Amino acid sequence: MKKLIILFLPFLLLTACVDSLDDYNVDTKRPSTAPPVTLFSNALKGLADTLTSPNVNVNNYRLYTQQWTTTTYLDEPRYNVTARIIPESFWRGLYKGVISDLNESRRLINADALMTQATKDVQLAQIEVVEVMTWAALVNTFGNIPYSESMNPENPLPKYDDAKTVYDAILARLDAALPKLESKGTPFGGGDLLYKGNIPQWVKFGNSLKLKLAMIIADSDPDKAKKMVAEAAPKVFTSNSDKAAFPYISTPPNYNPIAQNLNALYTSRQDFIPSATIVTPMNDLNDPRRPFFFTTLEGKYVGGQYGFLNTYSSFSHISDKVIDPAFEGLLLDYSEVEFLLAEAVERDFITGSAAEHYNKAVTASITYWGGTAAEAAAYLAQPKVAYERAGATWKEKIGFQKWIALYNRGWESWVEWRRLDYPKLSPPSGGNVPAGLAIPVRMIYPIIEQTLNGANRSSAADAIGGDLATTKLWWDKF
């Protein structure tokens, strides 16, 4: 009997603390549930990763705006969007990698019976601001998208909603969320990787986003845009310290995805170099941002020929600053806001001096990257930069300088290039370049949608005039 007790006692003690043997099969490193703040943090990273990545399977907008070019592979700078899964990766990165996490975070908050209403309001408002930004990225990339019926596991075939209808809906959601940021509840804190729970900064971020989204529809719905701009303008970013930036760290998997694709610590590939399209005019203007954008070759900044083969060792490279694993991923910054305010003045949406906002925008960009205020002043004094003489129209002046300021933010640069139509970019031509190339003005729907949701995808394509990269979106009037 004593031997039997000794034999079974360890087993009894081992099982006494669990309800069933299934409890032994719990993987502590892969939890089945997560708190709302963790889901919120992961969504922020998903948004930053998708918009920041230079991976040719995800995000080629630095190539479309000709800030970068390639050395070996020419499909991307020659606008082949079907050779890889580019549309699917961008689509999935935002739907699955961001919106699904935000929806689950929202569900958990709403289901929490112990949380005060004020705390629910402020955390749900933070979620809304990020989700609105994500929906805007989707609708301004593809046009009509699944929205009202999306993210419902019981409906695997969601309809595609009209792009303008979606846009109006997310603007209304943003307007409803902004007052709730100041509900006096407890915001997401440590898991808020943008502002660490600093609500005044969230108010500035939300209103800066409102300004940005309003200006996108300035040509298609000027009355609505004017009203929203006037409401947002007094509450937007006022310095570089206000920026919405994701804080990458130096180690995988939370490092900047640019490093993953360009830094020699993580890859031996040499696929990307700066394009002469941007390097040459920056050289002409002696732009003080060049050492922060590019490396030198024998003391000079040399860009590669866009859309053609380039020998990596014969040209400048992307700077060490940009490929630093811990370099932050910008979602929205002060320079961008000041350019928008300059444009708003030119459109008579607000009063003020367009030149003053333009000067602040250029100065903010130069000092953000590491230049000095004195360098910015000297740069702005040049005839080709000074607002009064820099171009024939305000769109040309603002569009060109904003294109430089949005370097390394390819998707945003692509949106602004489509909207302002400056700088004037041309597709590669000559040599063995296929005839009829055109820079994409939208991204086609993921090819897999033809199989998984074919009827709705086909209806959406018909509604916008064809699922083509040359089909303009509803707000792109010129």
Protein backbone atom coordinates (compact mmCIF):
# COMPACT_ATOMS: atom_id res chain seq x y z
CA MET A 1 0.00 0.00 0.00
CA LYS A 2 2.82 2.42 0.90
CA LYS A 3 4.47 1.74 -2.44
CA LEU A 4 1.19 2.51 -4.30
CA ILE A 5 0.77 5.80 -2.41
CA ILE A 6 4.34 6.84 -3.19
CA LEU A 7 3.77 5.95 -6.86
CA PHE A 8 0.53 7.91 -7.32
CA LEU A 9 1.15 10.86 -4.97
CA PRO A 10 3.18 12.94 -7.48
CA PHE A 11 0.46 12.47 -10.11
CA LEU A 12 -2.27 13.53 -7.66
CA LEU A 13 -0.33 16.62 -6.64
CA LEU A 14 0.36 17.50 -10.26
CA THR A 15 -3.30 17.35 -11.29
CA ALA A 16 -4.77 18.92 -8.18
CA CYS A 17 -4.29 22.48 -9.51
CA VAL A 18 -6.03 22.01 -12.87
CA ASP A 19 -9.61 21.32 -13.86
CA SER A 20 -8.76 18.94 -16.68
CA LEU A 21 -5.84 17.51 -18.60
CA ASP A 22 -6.62 20.01 -21.35
CA ASP A 23 -5.05 22.69 -19.17
CA TYR A 24 -1.66 21.16 -19.90
CA ASN A 25 -2.04 21.99 -23.60
CA VAL A 26 -2.06 25.76 -23.19
CA ASP A 27 0.70 27.49 -25.18
CA THR A 28 1.61 30.47 -22.99
CA LYS A 29 3.37 32.14 -25.92
CA ARG A 30 0.26 31.98 -28.11
CA PRO A 31 -2.66 33.22 -25.97
CA SER A 32 -6.17 32.52 -27.20
CA THR A 33 -7.36 35.96 -26.04
CA ALA A 34 -5.77 39.39 -25.82
CA PRO A 35 -6.71 42.58 -23.95
CA PRO A 36 -8.05 45.52 -25.99
CA VAL A 37 -4.87 47.56 -25.61
CA THR A 38 -2.71 44.76 -27.04
CA LEU A 39 -4.94 44.53 -30.09
CA PHE A 40 -4.77 48.32 -30.45
CA SER A 41 -0.97 48.24 -30.31
CA ASN A 42 -0.80 45.49 -32.90
CA ALA A 43 -3.13 47.44 -35.20
CA LEU A 44 -0.88 50.49 -34.98
CA LYS A 45 2.09 48.36 -35.98
CA GLY A 46 0.13 46.77 -38.82
CA LEU A 47 -0.80 50.19 -40.21
CA ALA A 48 2.75 51.51 -39.90
CA ASP A 49 4.24 48.38 -41.45
CA THR A 50 1.93 48.41 -44.47
CA LEU A 51 2.44 52.11 -45.22
CA THR A 52 6.19 52.06 -44.50
CA SER A 53 7.33 48.82 -46.12
CA PRO A 54 9.31 49.05 -49.38
CA ASN A 55 8.79 45.37 -50.13
CA VAL A 56 7.91 44.93 -53.80
CA ASN A 57 5.15 42.49 -52.85
CA VAL A 58 3.42 45.06 -50.65
CA ASN A 59 4.16 48.71 -51.31
CA ASN A 60 5.67 50.12 -54.51
CA TYR A 61 4.57 53.72 -54.14
CA ARG A 62 8.11 55.08 -53.67
CA LEU A 63 8.67 53.72 -57.17
CA TYR A 64 5.45 55.12 -58.64
CA THR A 65 6.39 58.60 -57.38
CA GLN A 66 9.93 58.08 -58.71
CA GLN A 67 11.67 58.82 -55.43
CA TRP A 68 13.36 55.43 -55.69
CA THR A 69 14.13 53.15 -58.57
CA THR A 70 15.36 49.58 -58.87
CA THR A 71 18.64 48.01 -59.93
CA THR A 72 17.66 44.64 -61.37
CA TYR A 73 13.91 43.99 -61.45
CA LEU A 74 11.90 46.25 -63.74
CA ASP A 75 8.33 45.01 -63.28
CA GLU A 76 7.61 47.45 -60.47
CA PRO A 77 8.98 50.73 -61.94
CA ARG A 78 7.29 49.73 -65.18
CA TYR A 79 3.97 49.32 -63.34
CA ASN A 80 3.34 45.60 -63.65
CA VAL A 81 0.86 45.04 -60.80
CA THR A 82 -0.01 41.43 -61.62
CA ALA A 83 3.43 39.78 -61.57
CA ARG A 84 3.32 39.77 -57.77
CA ILE A 85 0.63 39.84 -55.08
CA ILE A 86 0.98 43.59 -54.50
CA PRO A 87 -2.75 44.44 -54.36
CA GLU A 88 -3.53 41.45 -52.14
CA SER A 89 -0.74 42.20 -49.67
CA PHE A 90 -1.74 45.84 -49.22
CA TRP A 91 -5.45 44.90 -48.99
CA ARG A 92 -4.84 42.08 -46.50
CA GLY A 93 -2.37 44.13 -44.49
CA LEU A 94 -5.04 46.74 -43.75
CA TYR A 95 -8.18 44.60 -43.50
CA LYS A 96 -6.66 41.70 -41.58
CA GLY A 97 -3.66 43.34 -39.99
CA VAL A 98 -5.37 46.51 -38.75
CA ILE A 99 -9.15 46.70 -38.99
CA SER A 100 -9.80 43.20 -37.64
CA ASP A 101 -7.70 43.94 -34.54
CA LEU A 102 -9.40 47.29 -34.01
CA ASN A 103 -12.83 45.67 -34.30
CA GLU A 104 -11.96 43.03 -31.72
CA SER A 105 -10.51 45.67 -29.40
CA ARG A 106 -13.76 47.63 -29.74
CA ARG A 107 -15.86 44.54 -29.03
CA LEU A 108 -13.96 43.75 -25.85
CA ILE A 109 -14.26 47.32 -24.59
CA ASN A 110 -18.00 47.41 -25.22
CA ALA A 111 -18.41 44.07 -23.42
CA ASP A 112 -16.48 45.19 -20.32
CA ALA A 113 -19.09 45.71 -17.60
CA LEU A 114 -16.53 47.17 -15.17
CA MET A 115 -15.20 49.94 -17.40
CA THR A 116 -16.69 53.42 -16.98
CA GLN A 117 -18.49 54.98 -19.92
CA ALA A 118 -16.01 57.86 -20.03
CA THR A 119 -13.10 55.43 -20.36
CA LYS A 120 -14.94 53.45 -23.02
CA ASP A 121 -15.59 56.67 -24.92
CA VAL A 122 -11.97 57.82 -25.02
CA GLN A 123 -10.53 54.43 -25.91
CA LEU A 124 -13.16 53.85 -28.58
CA ALA A 125 -12.36 57.32 -29.97
CA GLN A 126 -8.66 56.41 -30.22
CA ILE A 127 -9.67 53.26 -32.09
CA GLU A 128 -11.91 55.28 -34.42
CA VAL A 129 -9.16 57.73 -35.39
CA VAL A 130 -6.82 54.90 -36.36
CA GLU A 131 -9.57 52.97 -38.13
CA VAL A 132 -10.67 56.02 -40.12
CA MET A 133 -7.07 56.49 -41.26
CA THR A 134 -6.98 52.83 -42.33
CA TRP A 135 -10.27 52.96 -44.23
CA ALA A 136 -9.04 56.12 -45.94
CA ALA A 137 -5.91 54.28 -47.07
CA LEU A 138 -8.04 51.50 -48.56
CA VAL A 139 -10.61 53.68 -50.30
CA ASN A 140 -7.97 56.09 -51.64
CA THR A 141 -6.00 53.17 -53.05
CA PHE A 142 -8.69 50.96 -54.60
CA GLY A 143 -11.87 53.04 -54.95
CA ASN A 144 -15.04 51.07 -54.18
CA ILE A 145 -14.32 48.60 -51.37
CA PRO A 146 -16.17 46.23 -49.00
CA TYR A 147 -17.17 48.42 -46.08
CA SER A 148 -20.71 48.12 -44.69
CA GLU A 149 -20.72 44.31 -44.97
CA SER A 150 -17.03 43.73 -44.33
CA MET A 151 -15.43 42.05 -41.30
CA ASN A 152 -18.50 39.87 -40.77
CA PRO A 153 -17.54 36.17 -40.55
CA GLU A 154 -21.12 35.21 -41.34
CA ASN A 155 -20.96 37.02 -44.68
CA PRO A 156 -17.98 35.77 -46.70
CA LEU A 157 -19.18 37.64 -49.81
CA PRO A 158 -19.47 41.31 -48.80
CA LYS A 159 -20.66 43.83 -51.32
CA TYR A 160 -18.39 46.66 -52.44
CA ASP A 161 -19.64 50.07 -51.34
CA ASP A 162 -19.40 53.22 -53.44
CA ALA A 163 -16.12 54.97 -52.64
CA LYS A 164 -17.65 58.39 -52.05
CA THR A 165 -20.26 56.85 -49.75
CA VAL A 166 -17.51 55.16 -47.75
CA TYR A 167 -15.54 58.39 -47.60
CA ASP A 168 -18.50 60.37 -46.32
CA ALA A 169 -19.15 57.66 -43.72
CA ILE A 170 -15.63 57.68 -42.33
CA LEU A 171 -15.58 61.48 -42.20
CA ALA A 172 -18.77 61.33 -40.13
CA ARG A 173 -17.18 58.73 -37.87
CA LEU A 174 -14.15 60.94 -37.35
CA ASP A 175 -16.34 63.91 -36.48
CA ALA A 176 -18.22 61.81 -33.94
CA ALA A 177 -15.01 60.48 -32.39
CA LEU A 178 -13.12 63.75 -31.91
CA PRO A 179 -15.25 65.16 -29.04
CA LYS A 180 -15.09 61.81 -27.23
CA LEU A 181 -11.32 62.02 -27.05
CA GLU A 182 -11.90 64.60 -24.33
CA SER A 183 -14.38 62.54 -22.32
CA LYS A 184 -12.08 62.60 -19.24
CA GLY A 185 -11.88 58.81 -19.13
CA THR A 186 -8.69 56.76 -18.98
CA PRO A 187 -7.15 56.41 -22.48
CA PHE A 188 -4.94 53.63 -23.75
CA GLY A 189 -1.65 54.38 -22.07
CA GLY A 190 1.47 52.25 -22.39
CA GLY A 191 -0.05 50.35 -25.30
CA ASP A 192 -0.65 53.60 -27.16
CA LEU A 193 2.55 53.49 -29.18
CA LEU A 194 1.94 56.88 -30.77
CA TYR A 195 1.34 59.21 -27.82
CA LYS A 196 1.38 57.11 -24.62
CA GLY A 197 -2.12 58.24 -23.67
CA ASN A 198 -1.47 61.97 -24.20
CA ILE A 199 -4.97 63.11 -25.15
CA PRO A 200 -4.07 66.67 -26.25
CA GLN A 201 -1.77 65.05 -28.79
CA TRP A 202 -4.56 62.73 -29.92
CA VAL A 203 -6.82 65.75 -30.40
CA LYS A 204 -4.18 67.35 -32.63
CA PHE A 205 -3.67 64.08 -34.51
CA GLY A 206 -7.39 63.57 -35.08
CA ASN A 207 -7.90 67.12 -36.33
CA SER A 208 -4.80 66.95 -38.54
CA LEU A 209 -6.22 63.78 -40.06
CA LYS A 210 -9.54 65.58 -40.57
CA LEU A 211 -7.71 68.39 -42.35
CA LYS A 212 -5.90 65.90 -44.56
CA LEU A 213 -9.00 63.92 -45.50
CA ALA A 214 -10.96 67.11 -46.17
CA MET A 215 -8.32 68.45 -48.55
CA ILE A 216 -8.36 65.22 -50.54
CA ILE A 217 -11.93 66.00 -51.61
CA ALA A 218 -11.27 69.70 -52.21
CA ASP A 219 -11.76 69.40 -55.98
CA SER A 220 -14.77 67.07 -55.87
CA ASP A 221 -16.71 68.49 -52.89
CA PRO A 222 -15.30 71.95 -52.11
CA ASP A 223 -18.15 73.06 -49.86
CA LYS A 224 -17.80 70.09 -47.54
CA ALA A 225 -14.02 70.33 -47.64
CA LYS A 226 -14.10 74.03 -46.74
CA LYS A 227 -16.37 73.45 -43.74
CA MET A 228 -14.23 70.60 -42.39
CA VAL A 229 -10.95 72.45 -42.94
CA ALA A 230 -12.24 75.50 -41.08
CA GLU A 231 -13.29 73.28 -38.16
CA ALA A 232 -10.00 71.38 -38.00
CA ALA A 233 -7.42 74.08 -38.73
CA PRO A 234 -7.27 75.68 -35.26
CA LYS A 235 -6.56 72.29 -33.61
CA VAL A 236 -3.88 70.71 -35.82
CA PHE A 237 -0.17 69.99 -35.36
CA THR A 238 1.93 73.04 -34.54
CA SER A 239 5.46 71.59 -34.42
CA ASN A 240 7.51 68.56 -35.40
CA SER A 241 7.06 67.16 -31.91
CA ASP A 242 3.36 66.63 -32.62
CA LYS A 243 3.98 64.06 -35.35
CA ALA A 244 2.20 60.71 -35.38
CA ALA A 245 5.11 58.29 -35.66
CA PHE A 246 5.39 54.60 -34.91
CA PRO A 247 8.45 53.93 -32.71
CA TYR A 248 10.25 50.99 -34.26
CA ILE A 249 13.04 49.36 -32.25
CA SER A 250 16.37 47.97 -33.39
CA THR A 251 15.57 44.26 -33.19
CA PRO A 252 13.26 41.98 -35.20
CA PRO A 253 10.32 41.59 -35.47
CA ASN A 254 9.58 45.12 -34.31
CA TYR A 255 12.15 46.89 -36.47
CA ASN A 256 11.41 49.20 -39.35
CA PRO A 257 10.50 47.11 -42.43
CA ILE A 258 12.80 49.27 -44.55
CA ALA A 259 15.74 47.78 -42.66
CA GLN A 260 14.43 44.30 -43.32
CA ASN A 261 14.58 44.98 -47.05
CA LEU A 262 17.65 47.23 -47.37
CA ASN A 263 19.92 47.04 -44.33
CA ALA A 264 22.95 44.80 -44.78
CA LEU A 265 22.44 43.48 -41.23
CA TYR A 266 19.36 41.65 -42.43
CA THR A 267 19.63 41.23 -46.18
CA SER A 268 22.27 40.95 -48.89
CA ARG A 269 19.89 42.23 -51.57
CA GLN A 270 20.72 45.46 -53.39
CA ASP A 271 17.44 46.18 -55.13
CA PHE A 272 16.82 49.89 -54.52
CA ILE A 273 18.62 53.17 -55.16
CA PRO A 274 17.39 56.78 -55.23
CA SER A 275 16.06 57.92 -58.58
CA ALA A 276 17.62 60.71 -60.60
CA THR A 277 14.09 62.10 -60.88
CA ILE A 278 14.40 63.40 -57.32
CA VAL A 279 18.18 63.55 -56.85
CA THR A 280 18.82 65.86 -59.80
CA PRO A 281 16.45 68.69 -58.81
CA MET A 282 17.61 68.41 -55.19
CA ASN A 283 21.19 68.80 -56.44
CA ASP A 284 20.17 71.85 -58.48
CA LEU A 285 18.71 73.43 -55.34
CA ASN A 286 21.60 72.36 -53.07
CA ASP A 287 18.92 70.82 -50.88
CA PRO A 288 20.14 70.39 -47.27
CA ARG A 289 18.14 67.16 -46.88
CA ARG A 290 20.31 65.20 -49.31
CA PRO A 291 22.75 63.76 -46.72
CA PHE A 292 19.76 62.49 -44.74
CA PHE A 293 18.10 60.99 -47.83
CA PHE A 294 21.04 59.55 -49.78
CA THR A 295 24.64 58.43 -49.53
CA THR A 296 27.32 59.99 -51.73
CA LEU A 297 29.39 58.54 -54.54
CA GLU A 298 32.82 60.15 -54.76
CA GLY A 299 31.42 63.16 -52.90
CA LYS A 300 28.37 63.58 -55.14
CA TYR A 301 24.73 62.57 -55.00
CA VAL A 302 23.97 60.42 -58.03
CA GLY A 303 20.54 59.02 -58.85
CA GLY A 304 19.76 56.03 -61.02
CA GLN A 305 17.80 56.10 -64.25
CA TYR A 306 14.18 55.46 -63.42
CA GLY A 307 12.67 52.34 -64.95
CA PHE A 308 15.93 50.93 -66.32
CA LEU A 309 18.65 48.60 -65.09
CA ASN A 310 21.14 50.30 -62.75
CA THR A 311 24.42 49.03 -61.33
CA TYR A 312 24.17 49.33 -57.55
CA SER A 313 27.79 50.41 -57.04
CA SER A 314 27.53 53.21 -59.61
CA PHE A 315 24.96 55.32 -57.77
CA SER A 316 24.10 56.80 -54.40
CA HIS A 317 22.23 54.53 -52.01
CA ILE A 318 19.41 55.03 -49.54
CA SER A 319 20.88 56.74 -46.46
CA ASP A 320 21.90 55.00 -43.26
CA LYS A 321 19.28 57.13 -41.46
CA VAL A 322 16.45 55.74 -43.56
CA ILE A 323 17.56 52.11 -43.31
CA ASP A 324 18.21 52.29 -39.55
CA PRO A 325 16.14 49.50 -37.93
CA ALA A 326 14.92 51.94 -35.26
CA PHE A 327 13.97 54.74 -37.66
CA GLU A 328 10.39 55.75 -36.91
CA GLY A 329 7.52 55.17 -39.30
CA LEU A 330 5.68 58.43 -39.97
CA LEU A 331 1.90 58.30 -40.29
CA LEU A 332 1.29 62.06 -40.34
CA ASP A 333 3.62 64.97 -39.65
CA TYR A 334 3.75 68.72 -39.11
CA SER A 335 5.27 69.55 -42.50
CA GLU A 336 2.39 67.82 -44.25
CA VAL A 337 -0.11 69.79 -42.18
CA GLU A 338 1.50 73.14 -43.02
CA PHE A 339 1.44 72.34 -46.75
CA LEU A 340 -2.26 71.55 -46.39
CA LEU A 341 -2.86 74.87 -44.65
CA ALA A 342 -1.01 76.70 -47.42
CA GLU A 343 -3.25 75.03 -49.95
CA ALA A 344 -6.35 75.81 -47.87
CA VAL A 345 -5.46 79.50 -47.97
CA GLU A 346 -5.02 79.37 -51.75
CA ARG A 347 -8.44 77.75 -52.07
CA ASP A 348 -10.01 80.42 -49.81
CA PHE A 349 -11.00 77.76 -47.28
CA ILE A 350 -9.27 79.69 -44.48
CA THR A 351 -7.65 83.10 -44.14
CA GLY A 352 -3.94 83.67 -43.71
CA SER A 353 -0.73 83.65 -45.72
CA ALA A 354 -0.08 80.72 -48.04
CA ALA A 355 3.57 81.71 -48.25
CA GLU A 356 3.94 81.65 -44.48
CA HIS A 357 2.47 78.15 -44.21
CA TYR A 358 4.62 77.00 -47.14
CA ASN A 359 7.76 78.36 -45.46
CA LYS A 360 6.83 76.61 -42.21
CA ALA A 361 6.24 73.37 -44.10
CA VAL A 362 9.62 73.43 -45.85
CA THR A 363 11.41 74.44 -42.67
CA ALA A 364 9.68 71.69 -40.69
CA SER A 365 10.76 69.09 -43.24
CA ILE A 366 14.39 70.23 -43.26
CA THR A 367 14.67 70.39 -39.46
CA TYR A 368 12.86 67.07 -39.00
CA TRP A 369 15.44 65.31 -41.12
CA GLY A 370 18.37 66.93 -39.32
CA GLY A 371 19.00 70.23 -41.08
CA THR A 372 19.09 73.60 -39.33
CA ALA A 373 16.74 76.56 -39.37
CA ALA A 374 19.52 78.61 -40.98
CA GLU A 375 19.84 76.05 -43.78
CA ALA A 376 16.09 76.15 -44.26
CA ALA A 377 16.12 79.96 -44.51
CA ALA A 378 18.91 79.91 -47.11
CA TYR A 379 17.09 77.23 -49.07
CA LEU A 380 13.82 79.20 -49.06
CA ALA A 381 15.65 82.34 -50.25
CA GLN A 382 16.49 80.73 -53.60
CA PRO A 383 14.36 81.98 -56.52
CA LYS A 384 13.31 78.45 -57.45
CA VAL A 385 12.11 77.80 -53.89
CA ALA A 386 10.77 81.16 -52.69
CA TYR A 387 6.99 80.98 -52.77
CA GLU A 388 6.51 84.11 -54.87
CA ARG A 389 8.69 82.78 -57.71
CA ALA A 390 8.90 79.00 -57.35
CA GLY A 391 6.27 78.13 -59.95
CA ALA A 392 3.50 79.41 -62.15
CA THR A 393 0.68 78.09 -59.92
CA TRP A 394 0.23 77.30 -56.24
CA LYS A 395 -0.29 73.65 -57.15
CA GLU A 396 3.13 73.57 -58.79
CA LYS A 397 4.85 75.32 -55.88
CA ILE A 398 3.24 73.27 -53.14
CA GLY A 399 3.15 70.03 -55.13
CA PHE A 400 6.88 69.99 -55.89
CA GLN A 401 8.06 70.84 -52.40
CA LYS A 402 5.56 68.48 -50.80
CA TRP A 403 6.84 65.66 -53.02
CA ILE A 404 10.33 66.21 -51.62
CA ALA A 405 9.06 66.53 -48.05
CA LEU A 406 7.15 63.26 -48.38
CA TYR A 407 10.28 61.37 -49.36
CA ASN A 408 10.22 57.90 -47.80
CA ARG A 409 6.43 58.13 -47.40
CA GLY A 410 5.63 56.65 -50.76
CA TRP A 411 1.91 56.02 -50.36
CA GLU A 412 1.17 59.55 -49.09
CA SER A 413 3.35 61.01 -51.83
CA TRP A 414 1.38 59.02 -54.41
CA VAL A 415 -1.92 60.38 -53.06
CA GLU A 416 -0.67 63.97 -53.20
CA TRP A 417 0.83 63.54 -56.66
CA ARG A 418 -2.53 62.31 -57.98
CA ARG A 419 -4.35 65.14 -56.22
CA LEU A 420 -2.10 68.08 -57.06
CA ASP A 421 -0.67 66.74 -60.35
CA TYR A 422 2.81 67.97 -59.46
CA PRO A 423 5.61 67.36 -60.01
CA LYS A 424 5.09 66.38 -63.60
CA LEU A 425 6.25 62.77 -63.78
CA SER A 426 6.57 60.68 -66.94
CA PRO A 427 6.72 56.89 -67.26
CA PRO A 428 9.95 55.38 -68.56
CA SER A 429 10.21 55.30 -72.33
CA GLY A 430 12.62 54.29 -75.08
CA GLY A 431 14.89 51.30 -75.31
CA ASN A 432 13.07 48.08 -74.52
CA VAL A 433 10.30 49.75 -72.52
CA PRO A 434 6.82 48.52 -73.53
CA ALA A 435 4.75 51.13 -75.31
CA GLY A 436 1.84 52.83 -73.58
CA LEU A 437 3.06 52.73 -69.98
CA ALA A 438 1.11 54.95 -67.58
CA ILE A 439 1.81 55.68 -63.93
CA PRO A 440 -0.90 54.00 -61.83
CA VAL A 441 -3.58 56.30 -60.43
CA ARG A 442 -5.24 53.51 -58.47
CA MET A 443 -4.38 49.97 -57.43
CA ILE A 444 -6.30 47.12 -59.01
CA TYR A 445 -8.30 44.78 -56.80
CA PRO A 446 -6.55 41.68 -55.49
CA ILE A 447 -6.63 38.94 -58.10
CA ILE A 448 -7.86 36.49 -55.47
CA GLU A 449 -11.06 38.54 -55.16
CA GLN A 450 -12.06 37.30 -58.62
CA THR A 451 -12.20 33.80 -57.14
CA LEU A 452 -13.42 34.48 -53.61
CA ASN A 453 -15.91 37.30 -54.24
CA GLY A 454 -16.14 37.42 -58.00
CA ALA A 455 -19.64 38.81 -58.57
CA ASN A 456 -19.25 41.68 -56.13
CA ARG A 457 -15.77 42.47 -57.37
CA SER A 458 -17.03 42.52 -60.97
CA SER A 459 -19.88 44.89 -60.07
CA ALA A 460 -17.45 47.18 -58.29
CA ALA A 461 -15.12 47.23 -61.28
CA ASP A 462 -17.98 48.14 -63.60
CA ALA A 463 -19.14 50.88 -61.25
CA ILE A 464 -15.80 52.72 -61.28
CA GLY A 465 -15.15 52.35 -64.99
CA GLY A 466 -12.96 49.25 -64.94
CA ASP A 467 -10.58 47.53 -62.57
CA LEU A 468 -7.55 49.19 -64.11
CA ALA A 469 -4.54 51.01 -62.72
CA THR A 470 -5.43 53.88 -65.07
CA THR A 471 -8.96 54.37 -63.70
CA LYS A 472 -9.09 57.60 -61.72
CA LEU A 473 -10.81 57.69 -58.36
CA TRP A 474 -13.84 59.88 -57.83
CA TRP A 475 -11.93 62.77 -56.20
CA ASP A 476 -9.14 62.83 -58.83
CA LYS A 477 -10.62 65.45 -61.15
CA PHE A 478 -7.61 66.73 -63.09
